Amino acid sequence: MKKIFILCAAILAIISTYSSCTKLDVPVESQYVKTNFPVTDADYNALLGTIYSNLSSQYAVPYWRMQELSTDEAILPARDGNFDDGGQYRQLHYHSWTFDHPNVTAIWQWGFGGVNACNRILGTIKASSSTDAKKASSSAEVKAMRALYNYFMMDLYGNVPIITDFPVTTPPSTQPRAKVYQYIESELLAALPLLPVKTSSNAALYYGRPTKAMVFALLEKMYLNAQVYTGTANYTGAVAMADSVLKNNNYSLDLKYRDIFLPNNGPQINETIFAIPYDQQIPGNQFTRFGFFYYLAQAYGFNVGLSIAMSTTPEFYNRFNLPSDVRSKTWLAGPQFAPDGAGGFTTTPVYYPGTTTQIYIEPKLTLVPGKPMDLGNTIAAQSEGVRSMKYYPDPTIIQATRLNGNDVPVLRLADVMLMKAEAILRGATATVVNGELQTPDVLINKIRTRANAPTGAGFTLDDLLDERAREFSWEAWRRNDLIRFGKFEVEYPLPNDVLSMNKDITRRLYPIPATEIKLNPNLVQNPGY
């Protein structure tokens, strides 16, 4: 959905394009000179557009794949050799990627391209003739976004450079993950006082941009994972950051889970803390193209070329077993019926084209003997694998782009609540917010009640991990969750599987791309590569 501030982002992507922090021989260019430094709000919006257009360009495909295809939550098998693409999806599934994997390289360059864009813009703001207050607030926004980019890089690669200068004159050195963590934390805390608070009147203005709640939620995510990132737990800090969000009554769980992910989602979604806006002109969101089921396209009101490959694993889908849970309807499995236009289904069967055979999506994935992660390409094989319709198919999707208009949430209130529940289960003290003692049972049951799922009591950490699977499927947090729970190396073999997962825990970090180390000898490769 398309957005007041971000609409300009795709157009403004031409301001600059960066590849990575280590390509230092590129001439410095800028469209700003002394006579046109940013002064007005419109000037600053235009200046900052590059940060957001860069973010949207890769988040929902290669970044998402690194976070999801490396887990049980998503799988992109070959179909008689089709969709193999050099084995890159197979490598993610089996944790057998190398330092030249295309996603490993692309996302390193994307992330540090974003950092470099932030650094360039900070220099421009500093030289601007604007008021000190405007320069300070705009700098805080940029620094919060730089911290977000650095968080993505720290989470994926662990030991990464800390880059604050533009242009980069000295090849940056790899820094320990704990030091990068401390740097990101300090940047977020410094930016926090100058960022806006979401209100009922400014929600659209700051949609897709940093707010105080975005910083609180990101810090909560960092503190919840502090044991992984630094070796020292900080569950009390995670609860404190959660409470800082929960005290703002302008955030609330939306009544309908489906609404959060519709093509027309946007600032009206009450629980969105930070989302990446998309429309059919902003590259990146291709969930319908890759994750929907090809033979259902016409039944859902569009007729474009789609992939037929990506699905979830049977083991993951089995978690959607709570009676009446509306989140189960975000998957396509079993006999297929025409949609009712409201996120549900009619009783009208949908048939394979030219037949009277009802479409049946088989949850199992049975590999062809002797072939690596290949299902075959018969109609029956094409129909294997539960498909996602969480990001509900955009009825206005067009052949030219095959892009979705659904915005993609990065941080939302439900995550804040379940992270708080987990931190308490791990040892933090339950706190009172708005007169309510928020125990793990209370918080989890709020999520379940919204989903129309049965409530419960005495939830354990394993129960909470399953709840996170149901609530945040395909939202790019599964790898993060499994690593924190020590389950990233758990394997669920498929029938006729000729390959097995690399269970080396060094795979909890991706390698620094070989091309980057060749360009910059100050980068040190992660262990295991």
Protein backbone atom coordinates (compact mmCIF):
# COMPACT_ATOMS: atom_id res chain seq x y z
CA MET A 1 0.00 0.00 0.00
CA LYS A 2 1.46 3.34 -0.95
CA LYS A 3 2.34 5.85 1.19
CA ILE A 4 2.55 9.47 1.80
CA PHE A 5 6.23 9.57 2.62
CA ILE A 6 7.51 6.52 0.85
CA LEU A 7 5.83 7.06 -2.50
CA CYS A 8 8.70 9.28 -3.48
CA ALA A 9 11.22 6.63 -2.50
CA ALA A 10 11.23 4.59 -5.69
CA ILE A 11 11.56 7.70 -7.82
CA LEU A 12 14.32 9.02 -5.61
CA ALA A 13 16.30 5.81 -5.80
CA ILE A 14 18.23 7.49 -8.60
CA ILE A 15 19.86 9.82 -6.08
CA SER A 16 22.49 7.18 -5.45
CA THR A 17 23.06 3.46 -5.55
CA TYR A 18 25.61 1.75 -3.38
CA SER A 19 27.02 -1.71 -3.62
CA SER A 20 28.97 -2.33 -0.43
CA CYS A 21 31.13 -0.80 2.25
CA THR A 22 34.30 -2.10 0.68
CA LYS A 23 34.12 -0.71 -2.85
CA LEU A 24 36.15 2.37 -2.20
CA ASP A 25 37.21 3.36 -5.70
CA VAL A 26 33.84 4.83 -6.70
CA PRO A 27 33.92 8.62 -7.30
CA VAL A 28 31.89 10.65 -4.84
CA GLU A 29 28.92 12.34 -6.46
CA SER A 30 26.14 14.41 -4.98
CA GLN A 31 23.24 16.36 -6.40
CA TYR A 32 23.52 18.84 -3.50
CA VAL A 33 25.59 22.02 -3.66
CA LYS A 34 25.56 25.08 -1.43
CA THR A 35 22.64 26.63 -3.28
CA ASN A 36 20.26 23.70 -2.81
CA PHE A 37 21.01 22.08 0.53
CA PRO A 38 17.81 20.72 2.12
CA VAL A 39 15.82 23.27 4.12
CA THR A 40 12.10 22.46 3.90
CA ASP A 41 10.29 19.28 4.95
CA ALA A 42 9.89 18.39 1.28
CA ASP A 43 13.65 18.79 0.78
CA TYR A 44 14.35 16.43 3.65
CA ASN A 45 11.80 13.88 2.49
CA ALA A 46 13.45 13.83 -0.91
CA LEU A 47 16.91 13.56 0.62
CA LEU A 48 15.96 10.64 2.86
CA GLY A 49 14.06 8.76 0.16
CA THR A 50 17.09 6.71 -0.87
CA ILE A 51 17.29 5.08 2.56
CA TYR A 52 13.78 3.70 2.23
CA SER A 53 13.87 2.75 -1.44
CA ASN A 54 17.03 0.75 -0.74
CA LEU A 55 15.35 -0.96 2.19
CA SER A 56 12.34 -2.09 0.19
CA SER A 57 14.41 -3.28 -2.76
CA GLN A 58 15.76 -6.45 -1.16
CA TYR A 59 13.96 -7.03 2.14
CA ALA A 60 11.04 -9.15 0.92
CA VAL A 61 13.05 -11.44 -1.40
CA PRO A 62 16.78 -12.15 -0.78
CA TYR A 63 16.82 -10.96 2.84
CA TRP A 64 13.60 -12.88 3.52
CA ARG A 65 15.03 -15.99 1.89
CA MET A 66 18.11 -15.94 4.12
CA GLN A 67 15.90 -15.72 7.20
CA GLU A 68 13.20 -18.20 6.12
CA LEU A 69 14.49 -20.72 3.56
CA SER A 70 17.23 -21.63 6.05
CA THR A 71 14.50 -22.85 8.43
CA ASP A 72 11.54 -25.21 8.45
CA GLU A 73 9.16 -22.32 7.73
CA ALA A 74 9.68 -22.08 3.97
CA ILE A 75 11.10 -24.32 1.29
CA LEU A 76 11.59 -23.79 -2.43
CA PRO A 77 12.14 -27.26 -3.96
CA ALA A 78 12.99 -28.00 -7.55
CA ARG A 79 10.32 -29.41 -9.85
CA ASP A 80 12.08 -31.75 -12.27
CA GLY A 81 15.00 -29.31 -12.36
CA ASN A 82 12.83 -26.23 -12.68
CA PHE A 83 13.29 -23.57 -9.97
CA ASP A 84 16.63 -25.07 -8.99
CA ASP A 85 18.53 -21.88 -9.89
CA GLY A 86 21.95 -23.37 -9.36
CA GLY A 87 20.96 -25.06 -6.13
CA GLN A 88 20.85 -21.82 -4.13
CA TYR A 89 17.54 -22.66 -2.37
CA ARG A 90 18.71 -26.18 -1.67
CA GLN A 91 21.87 -24.76 -0.08
CA LEU A 92 19.81 -22.56 2.22
CA HIS A 93 17.61 -25.49 3.24
CA TYR A 94 20.52 -27.79 4.06
CA HIS A 95 22.76 -25.06 5.54
CA SER A 96 25.34 -25.82 2.86
CA TRP A 97 25.77 -22.28 1.53
CA THR A 98 29.23 -20.97 0.72
CA PHE A 99 30.80 -17.53 0.78
CA ASP A 100 29.78 -16.93 -2.84
CA HIS A 101 26.07 -17.73 -2.43
CA PRO A 102 24.12 -15.07 -4.38
CA ASN A 103 21.93 -14.04 -1.42
CA VAL A 104 24.92 -13.85 0.91
CA THR A 105 26.61 -11.41 -1.43
CA ALA A 106 23.51 -9.42 -2.40
CA ILE A 107 22.38 -8.79 1.17
CA TRP A 108 25.82 -7.78 2.40
CA GLN A 109 25.91 -5.19 -0.36
CA TRP A 110 22.30 -4.17 0.31
CA GLY A 111 22.84 -3.71 4.03
CA PHE A 112 26.05 -1.77 3.83
CA GLY A 113 24.74 0.12 0.83
CA GLY A 114 22.02 1.32 3.19
CA VAL A 115 24.60 2.22 5.83
CA ASN A 116 26.62 4.19 3.30
CA ALA A 117 23.50 6.01 2.10
CA CYS A 118 22.76 7.01 5.70
CA ASN A 119 26.33 8.22 6.21
CA ARG A 120 26.23 10.31 3.04
CA ILE A 121 22.91 11.87 4.01
CA LEU A 122 24.12 12.67 7.52
CA GLY A 123 26.97 14.65 5.97
CA THR A 124 24.54 16.55 3.78
CA ILE A 125 22.28 17.35 6.74
CA LYS A 126 25.23 18.56 8.77
CA ALA A 127 26.16 21.03 6.02
CA SER A 128 22.57 22.21 5.55
CA SER A 129 21.44 25.74 6.42
CA SER A 130 18.32 24.42 8.17
CA THR A 131 17.56 25.16 11.79
CA ASP A 132 19.44 23.17 14.39
CA ALA A 133 16.19 21.53 15.50
CA LYS A 134 15.36 20.31 11.98
CA LYS A 135 18.87 19.04 11.44
CA ALA A 136 18.79 17.23 14.77
CA SER A 137 15.44 15.50 14.18
CA SER A 138 16.36 14.48 10.63
CA SER A 139 19.74 13.19 11.78
CA ALA A 140 18.00 11.11 14.45
CA GLU A 141 15.74 9.55 11.81
CA VAL A 142 18.72 8.67 9.64
CA LYS A 143 20.70 7.27 12.56
CA ALA A 144 17.77 5.09 13.59
CA MET A 145 17.58 3.71 10.07
CA ARG A 146 21.34 3.18 10.00
CA ALA A 147 20.99 1.24 13.25
CA LEU A 148 18.27 -0.91 11.65
CA TYR A 149 20.52 -1.74 8.69
CA ASN A 150 23.37 -2.55 11.07
CA TYR A 151 21.05 -4.75 13.11
CA PHE A 152 20.15 -6.78 10.02
CA MET A 153 23.86 -7.21 9.23
CA MET A 154 24.80 -8.13 12.81
CA ASP A 155 21.98 -10.67 12.98
CA LEU A 156 22.96 -12.35 9.71
CA TYR A 157 26.75 -12.04 9.63
CA GLY A 158 27.66 -11.42 13.27
CA ASN A 159 31.11 -9.87 13.08
CA VAL A 160 30.83 -6.93 10.72
CA PRO A 161 32.45 -3.52 10.21
CA ILE A 162 31.22 -0.38 11.93
CA ILE A 163 31.15 2.37 9.31
CA THR A 164 30.29 5.97 10.16
CA ASP A 165 32.18 7.96 7.52
CA PHE A 166 31.33 8.91 3.96
CA PRO A 167 33.23 8.59 1.78
CA VAL A 168 35.10 5.67 3.30
CA THR A 169 38.80 6.47 3.09
CA THR A 170 40.22 3.51 5.02
CA PRO A 171 39.05 -0.06 4.42
CA PRO A 172 36.96 -0.91 7.51
CA SER A 173 37.90 -3.80 9.76
CA THR A 174 35.67 -6.56 11.03
CA GLN A 175 34.44 -5.88 14.57
CA PRO A 176 33.32 -8.45 17.17
CA ARG A 177 29.57 -9.00 17.25
CA ALA A 178 29.35 -7.82 20.88
CA LYS A 179 30.98 -4.51 19.94
CA VAL A 180 28.60 -4.05 17.01
CA TYR A 181 25.71 -4.77 19.37
CA GLN A 182 26.91 -2.06 21.77
CA TYR A 183 27.30 0.40 18.91
CA ILE A 184 23.78 -0.22 17.61
CA GLU A 185 22.34 0.08 21.12
CA SER A 186 24.12 3.39 21.71
CA GLU A 187 22.92 4.77 18.36
CA LEU A 188 19.32 3.85 19.08
CA LEU A 189 19.40 5.32 22.58
CA ALA A 190 20.95 8.54 21.28
CA ALA A 191 18.32 8.91 18.55
CA LEU A 192 15.39 8.03 20.81
CA PRO A 193 14.71 11.46 22.42
CA LEU A 194 14.43 13.17 19.03
CA LEU A 195 12.08 10.69 17.37
CA PRO A 196 8.30 11.20 17.24
CA VAL A 197 5.71 9.38 19.32
CA LYS A 198 2.86 7.82 17.36
CA THR A 199 -0.47 9.55 17.97
CA SER A 200 -3.90 9.20 16.42
CA SER A 201 -3.21 12.26 14.28
CA ASN A 202 0.31 11.53 12.99
CA ALA A 203 0.14 7.79 12.26
CA ALA A 204 0.10 8.29 8.48
CA LEU A 205 2.89 10.88 8.55
CA TYR A 206 5.35 8.56 10.29
CA TYR A 207 4.22 5.29 8.77
CA GLY A 208 7.27 3.38 7.52
CA ARG A 209 9.60 5.76 9.37
CA PRO A 210 11.33 5.47 12.76
CA THR A 211 9.38 6.41 15.86
CA LYS A 212 10.13 5.99 19.53
CA ALA A 213 8.17 2.73 19.49
CA MET A 214 10.27 1.42 16.60
CA VAL A 215 13.41 2.01 18.69
CA PHE A 216 11.84 0.42 21.78
CA ALA A 217 10.76 -2.66 19.78
CA LEU A 218 14.14 -3.04 18.08
CA LEU A 219 15.93 -2.72 21.42
CA GLU A 220 13.56 -5.33 22.85
CA LYS A 221 14.51 -7.64 19.98
CA MET A 222 18.19 -7.02 20.69
CA TYR A 223 17.85 -7.53 24.45
CA LEU A 224 15.86 -10.73 23.99
CA ASN A 225 18.69 -12.04 21.79
CA ALA A 226 21.50 -10.53 23.88
CA GLN A 227 22.66 -13.97 25.03
CA VAL A 228 23.16 -14.93 21.38
CA TYR A 229 24.69 -11.64 20.30
CA THR A 230 26.96 -10.89 23.28
CA GLY A 231 27.01 -13.90 25.59
CA THR A 232 25.19 -11.96 28.34
CA ALA A 233 21.41 -12.16 28.75
CA ASN A 234 19.26 -9.04 29.24
CA TYR A 235 15.68 -10.25 29.67
CA THR A 236 14.87 -7.51 32.17
CA GLY A 237 15.85 -4.94 29.55
CA ALA A 238 13.59 -6.66 27.02
CA VAL A 239 10.61 -6.34 29.38
CA ALA A 240 11.37 -2.66 30.00
CA MET A 241 11.45 -1.93 26.26
CA ALA A 242 8.21 -3.85 25.75
CA ASP A 243 6.50 -1.80 28.44
CA SER A 244 7.65 1.41 26.78
CA VAL A 245 5.62 0.37 23.72
CA LEU A 246 2.67 -1.14 25.56
CA LYS A 247 2.05 2.06 27.54
CA ASN A 248 1.19 3.89 24.31
CA ASN A 249 -2.52 3.26 23.80
CA ASN A 250 -2.23 4.29 20.14
CA TYR A 251 -0.93 0.78 19.51
CA SER A 252 -3.42 -2.06 19.84
CA LEU A 253 -4.00 -5.50 18.35
CA ASP A 254 -6.15 -5.23 15.25
CA LEU A 255 -9.45 -7.03 15.53
CA LYS A 256 -8.85 -9.10 12.38
CA TYR A 257 -5.54 -10.86 11.91
CA ARG A 258 -6.10 -10.92 8.14
CA ASP A 259 -6.25 -7.12 7.91
CA ILE A 260 -2.58 -6.76 8.86
CA PHE A 261 -1.48 -8.35 5.58
CA LEU A 262 -4.07 -7.27 3.00
CA PRO A 263 -3.05 -5.41 -0.18
CA ASN A 264 -4.59 -2.23 1.24
CA ASN A 265 -2.84 -2.43 4.60
CA GLY A 266 -1.12 0.74 5.77
CA PRO A 267 -1.21 3.38 8.50
CA GLN A 268 -4.70 2.28 9.56
CA ILE A 269 -3.27 -0.95 11.02
CA ASN A 270 -3.12 -0.19 14.74
CA GLU A 271 -0.45 -2.70 15.70
CA THR A 272 2.12 -1.82 13.05
CA ILE A 273 5.22 -0.33 14.65
CA PHE A 274 7.45 -0.38 11.59
CA ALA A 275 6.57 -1.67 8.13
CA ILE A 276 8.09 -1.52 4.67
CA PRO A 277 5.58 -0.01 2.21
CA TYR A 278 5.18 -1.61 -1.19
CA ASP A 279 3.13 -1.06 -4.30
CA GLN A 280 3.35 -2.39 -7.83
CA GLN A 281 6.03 0.12 -8.73
CA ILE A 282 8.29 -0.55 -5.72
CA PRO A 283 10.33 -3.70 -6.35
CA GLY A 284 10.61 -6.29 -3.65
CA ASN A 285 7.29 -7.77 -2.54
CA GLN A 286 6.73 -10.85 -4.66
CA PHE A 287 5.02 -13.20 -2.20
CA THR A 288 2.16 -13.90 -4.60
CA ARG A 289 4.57 -14.58 -7.45
CA PHE A 290 6.66 -17.08 -5.48
CA GLY A 291 4.37 -18.38 -2.75
CA PHE A 292 0.85 -18.62 -4.19
CA PHE A 293 -0.45 -21.59 -6.17
CA TYR A 294 -0.34 -21.08 -9.93
CA TYR A 295 -3.58 -22.90 -10.75
CA LEU A 296 -5.62 -20.75 -8.36
CA ALA A 297 -4.73 -17.41 -9.94
CA GLN A 298 -7.91 -17.03 -12.01
CA ALA A 299 -10.12 -18.05 -9.08
CA TYR A 300 -8.63 -15.15 -7.12
CA GLY A 301 -9.23 -12.67 -9.89
CA PHE A 302 -5.92 -12.32 -11.70
CA ASN A 303 -4.11 -14.03 -14.53
CA VAL A 304 -0.35 -13.58 -14.41
CA GLY A 305 2.65 -15.84 -14.65
CA LEU A 306 3.54 -17.23 -11.24
CA SER A 307 6.07 -19.62 -9.82
CA ILE A 308 4.75 -22.96 -8.64
CA ALA A 309 7.50 -23.87 -6.23
CA MET A 310 7.63 -22.20 -2.81
CA SER A 311 5.72 -23.67 0.12
CA THR A 312 6.18 -24.61 3.74
CA THR A 313 7.29 -27.91 5.20
CA PRO A 314 4.78 -30.47 6.49
CA GLU A 315 6.39 -30.32 9.94
CA PHE A 316 5.92 -26.56 10.18
CA TYR A 317 2.35 -26.66 8.89
CA ASN A 318 1.44 -29.22 11.54
CA ARG A 319 1.73 -26.46 14.16
CA PHE A 320 -1.43 -24.88 12.78
CA ASN A 321 -3.55 -27.31 14.77
CA LEU A 322 -5.54 -25.08 17.15
CA PRO A 323 -9.34 -25.30 16.67
CA SER A 324 -10.90 -22.26 14.94
CA ASP A 325 -7.52 -20.48 14.69
CA VAL A 326 -7.93 -17.91 11.89
CA ARG A 327 -4.19 -18.03 11.25
CA SER A 328 -4.68 -21.50 9.76
CA LYS A 329 -6.53 -19.82 6.90
CA THR A 330 -3.33 -18.12 5.79
CA TRP A 331 -2.29 -21.46 4.26
CA LEU A 332 -3.70 -23.32 1.27
CA ALA A 333 -3.95 -27.06 1.86
CA GLY A 334 -6.33 -29.84 0.87
CA PRO A 335 -9.28 -29.37 -1.54
CA GLN A 336 -9.53 -25.84 -2.86
CA PHE A 337 -12.67 -23.71 -3.02
CA ALA A 338 -13.30 -20.28 -4.51
CA PRO A 339 -12.51 -17.34 -2.21
CA ASP A 340 -15.33 -15.33 -0.67
CA GLY A 341 -13.48 -12.02 -1.01
CA ALA A 342 -13.17 -11.58 2.76
CA GLY A 343 -10.26 -13.89 3.48
CA GLY A 344 -12.41 -17.02 3.62
CA PHE A 345 -13.79 -19.54 1.15
CA THR A 346 -17.09 -20.42 -0.52
CA THR A 347 -18.33 -23.96 -1.19
CA THR A 348 -17.59 -23.66 -4.91
CA PRO A 349 -14.77 -26.04 -5.94
CA VAL A 350 -11.87 -24.78 -8.04
CA TYR A 351 -10.76 -27.14 -10.80
CA TYR A 352 -7.49 -27.68 -12.58
CA PRO A 353 -7.76 -25.87 -15.95
CA GLY A 354 -9.64 -27.86 -18.58
CA THR A 355 -10.71 -30.58 -16.15
CA THR A 356 -13.42 -31.41 -13.64
CA THR A 357 -10.81 -32.43 -11.08
CA GLN A 358 -10.84 -30.27 -7.98
CA ILE A 359 -7.51 -28.72 -7.08
CA TYR A 360 -6.01 -30.51 -4.11
CA ILE A 361 -2.89 -29.21 -2.38
CA GLU A 362 -1.10 -32.06 -0.66
CA PRO A 363 0.83 -31.00 2.47
CA LYS A 364 3.44 -33.74 2.10
CA LEU A 365 6.65 -33.24 0.14
CA THR A 366 7.89 -36.50 -1.37
CA LEU A 367 11.17 -36.09 -3.21
CA VAL A 368 12.05 -37.96 -6.40
CA PRO A 369 14.50 -40.75 -5.50
CA GLY A 370 18.07 -39.86 -6.34
CA LYS A 371 17.40 -36.20 -7.04
CA PRO A 372 18.44 -33.48 -4.58
CA MET A 373 15.39 -31.68 -3.14
CA ASP A 374 13.34 -32.25 -6.29
CA LEU A 375 9.62 -33.11 -6.26
CA GLY A 376 9.16 -33.75 -9.95
CA ASN A 377 6.91 -31.74 -12.23
CA THR A 378 3.71 -33.70 -12.76
CA ILE A 379 0.42 -32.04 -11.81
CA ALA A 380 0.43 -34.12 -8.63
CA ALA A 381 3.99 -33.08 -7.80
CA GLN A 382 3.24 -29.44 -8.56
CA SER A 383 0.39 -29.65 -6.07
CA GLU A 384 2.60 -30.85 -3.23
CA GLY A 385 3.50 -28.35 -0.54
CA VAL A 386 1.22 -26.10 1.51
CA ARG A 387 1.10 -22.63 -0.04
CA SER A 388 0.96 -19.32 1.79
CA MET A 389 -1.66 -16.65 1.27
CA LYS A 390 -0.75 -14.67 4.37
CA TYR A 391 0.07 -11.66 2.20
CA TYR A 392 -3.31 -11.96 0.58
CA PRO A 393 -3.11 -11.99 -3.25
CA ASP A 394 -3.41 -8.50 -4.67
CA PRO A 395 -6.32 -8.55 -7.16
CA THR A 396 -4.71 -5.71 -9.11
CA ILE A 397 -1.46 -7.61 -9.70
CA ILE A 398 -0.28 -7.15 -13.29
CA GLN A 399 1.87 -9.28 -15.57
CA ALA A 400 4.40 -6.51 -16.18
CA THR A 401 5.70 -6.46 -12.62
CA ARG A 402 4.04 -9.35 -10.73
CA LEU A 403 4.50 -7.22 -7.61
CA ASN A 404 2.24 -7.14 -4.56
CA GLY A 405 0.81 -3.99 -3.01
CA ASN A 406 0.88 -5.50 0.51
CA ASP A 407 3.14 -3.68 2.93
CA VAL A 408 5.43 -5.99 4.92
CA PRO A 409 5.51 -5.57 8.71
CA VAL A 410 8.94 -5.68 10.33
CA LEU A 411 7.94 -4.89 13.92
CA ARG A 412 4.41 -5.05 15.31
CA LEU A 413 2.68 -5.06 18.68
CA ALA A 414 2.01 -8.81 18.75
CA ASP A 415 5.77 -9.37 18.53
CA VAL A 416 6.38 -6.94 21.39
CA MET A 417 3.88 -8.89 23.50
CA LEU A 418 5.24 -12.35 22.75
CA MET A 419 8.84 -11.19 23.21
CA LYS A 420 7.85 -9.86 26.63
CA ALA A 421 6.18 -13.18 27.48
CA GLU A 422 9.33 -15.04 26.46
CA ALA A 423 11.62 -12.75 28.47
CA ILE A 424 9.50 -13.41 31.57
CA LEU A 425 9.54 -17.17 30.95
CA ARG A 426 13.33 -16.89 30.73
CA GLY A 427 13.59 -15.22 34.12
CA ALA A 428 12.48 -11.59 33.99
CA THR A 429 9.77 -10.32 36.33
CA ALA A 430 6.21 -9.79 35.11
CA THR A 431 5.18 -6.13 35.16
CA VAL A 432 1.98 -4.14 35.39
CA VAL A 433 0.99 -2.06 32.35
CA ASN A 434 -2.13 0.11 32.34
CA GLY A 435 -3.29 -1.56 35.55
CA GLU A 436 -2.84 -5.13 34.26
CA LEU A 437 -0.30 -7.66 35.51
CA GLN A 438 1.08 -9.05 32.26
CA THR A 439 2.17 -12.62 32.83
CA PRO A 440 3.15 -14.91 29.95
CA ASP A 441 -0.29 -16.54 30.11
CA VAL A 442 -2.03 -13.16 29.88
CA LEU A 443 0.09 -12.01 26.93
CA ILE A 444 -0.12 -15.25 24.96
CA ASN A 445 -3.86 -15.48 25.50
CA LYS A 446 -4.32 -11.96 24.11
CA ILE A 447 -2.70 -13.17 20.89
CA ARG A 448 -4.77 -16.34 20.84
CA THR A 449 -8.02 -14.52 21.55
CA ARG A 450 -7.46 -12.22 18.58
CA ALA A 451 -6.84 -15.33 16.45
CA ASN A 452 -10.04 -16.98 17.76
CA ALA A 453 -7.85 -19.81 19.08
CA PRO A 454 -8.35 -21.57 22.43
CA THR A 455 -6.75 -19.87 25.42
CA GLY A 456 -4.63 -21.81 27.89
CA ALA A 457 -2.52 -21.68 31.02
CA GLY A 458 0.95 -22.72 32.13
CA PHE A 459 2.57 -21.98 28.76
CA THR A 460 6.18 -23.17 28.44
CA LEU A 461 8.99 -21.85 26.27
CA ASP A 462 8.30 -24.60 23.72
CA ASP A 463 4.63 -23.56 23.66
CA LEU A 464 5.70 -19.98 23.08
CA LEU A 465 7.98 -20.93 20.19
CA ASP A 466 5.05 -22.72 18.54
CA GLU A 467 2.88 -19.65 19.13
CA ARG A 468 5.49 -17.48 17.47
CA ALA A 469 5.46 -19.89 14.52
CA ARG A 470 1.71 -19.49 14.14
CA GLU A 471 1.69 -15.72 14.63
CA PHE A 472 4.78 -14.67 12.63
CA SER A 473 5.01 -17.24 9.84
CA TRP A 474 6.74 -15.78 6.79
CA GLU A 475 7.54 -12.50 8.57
CA ALA A 476 11.33 -13.13 8.46
CA TRP A 477 11.86 -13.95 12.16
CA ARG A 478 11.99 -17.77 12.14
CA ARG A 479 15.79 -18.08 11.84
CA ASN A 480 16.23 -15.56 14.63
CA ASP A 481 13.81 -17.51 16.83
CA LEU A 482 15.29 -20.94 16.17
CA ILE A 483 18.83 -19.78 16.91
CA ARG A 484 17.71 -18.23 20.20
CA PHE A 485 15.98 -21.49 21.16
CA GLY A 486 18.97 -23.61 20.11
CA LYS A 487 16.93 -25.38 17.42
CA PHE A 488 18.36 -23.99 14.19
CA GLU A 489 20.12 -27.30 13.49
CA VAL A 490 17.06 -29.52 14.00
CA GLU A 491 16.43 -31.47 10.81
CA TYR A 492 13.13 -32.83 9.49
CA PRO A 493 14.12 -35.15 6.62
CA LEU A 494 11.78 -35.47 3.65
CA PRO A 495 10.94 -38.84 2.07
CA ASN A 496 13.64 -39.98 -0.40
CA ASP A 497 16.00 -37.23 0.78
CA VAL A 498 19.51 -37.88 -0.55
CA LEU A 499 21.03 -34.93 1.30
CA SER A 500 21.27 -34.01 4.97
CA MET A 501 21.62 -30.77 6.88
CA ASN A 502 24.97 -29.38 7.90
CA LYS A 503 24.50 -29.20 11.69
CA ASP A 504 27.66 -27.22 12.43
CA ILE A 505 26.66 -24.37 14.74
CA THR A 506 28.96 -22.01 12.83
CA ARG A 507 26.11 -21.91 10.30
CA ARG A 508 24.25 -19.68 12.71
CA LEU A 509 26.22 -16.93 11.01
CA TYR A 510 26.49 -16.40 7.28
CA PRO A 511 29.94 -15.95 5.75
CA ILE A 512 31.38 -12.65 4.67
CA PRO A 513 31.17 -12.75 0.86
CA ALA A 514 34.38 -13.78 -0.89
CA THR A 515 34.20 -10.77 -3.20
CA GLU A 516 34.20 -8.40 -0.21
CA ILE A 517 37.24 -10.01 1.42
CA LYS A 518 39.06 -9.81 -1.90
CA LEU A 519 38.30 -6.09 -2.07
CA ASN A 520 39.08 -5.44 1.58
CA PRO A 521 41.75 -7.56 3.32
CA ASN A 522 40.79 -5.99 6.67
CA LEU A 523 37.67 -8.15 6.74
CA VAL A 524 38.08 -11.43 8.65
CA GLN A 525 36.00 -14.42 7.61
CA ASN A 526 33.59 -15.96 10.13
CA PRO A 527 34.59 -19.31 11.68
CA GLY A 528 33.64 -22.40 9.70
CA TYR A 529 34.13 -20.89 6.27
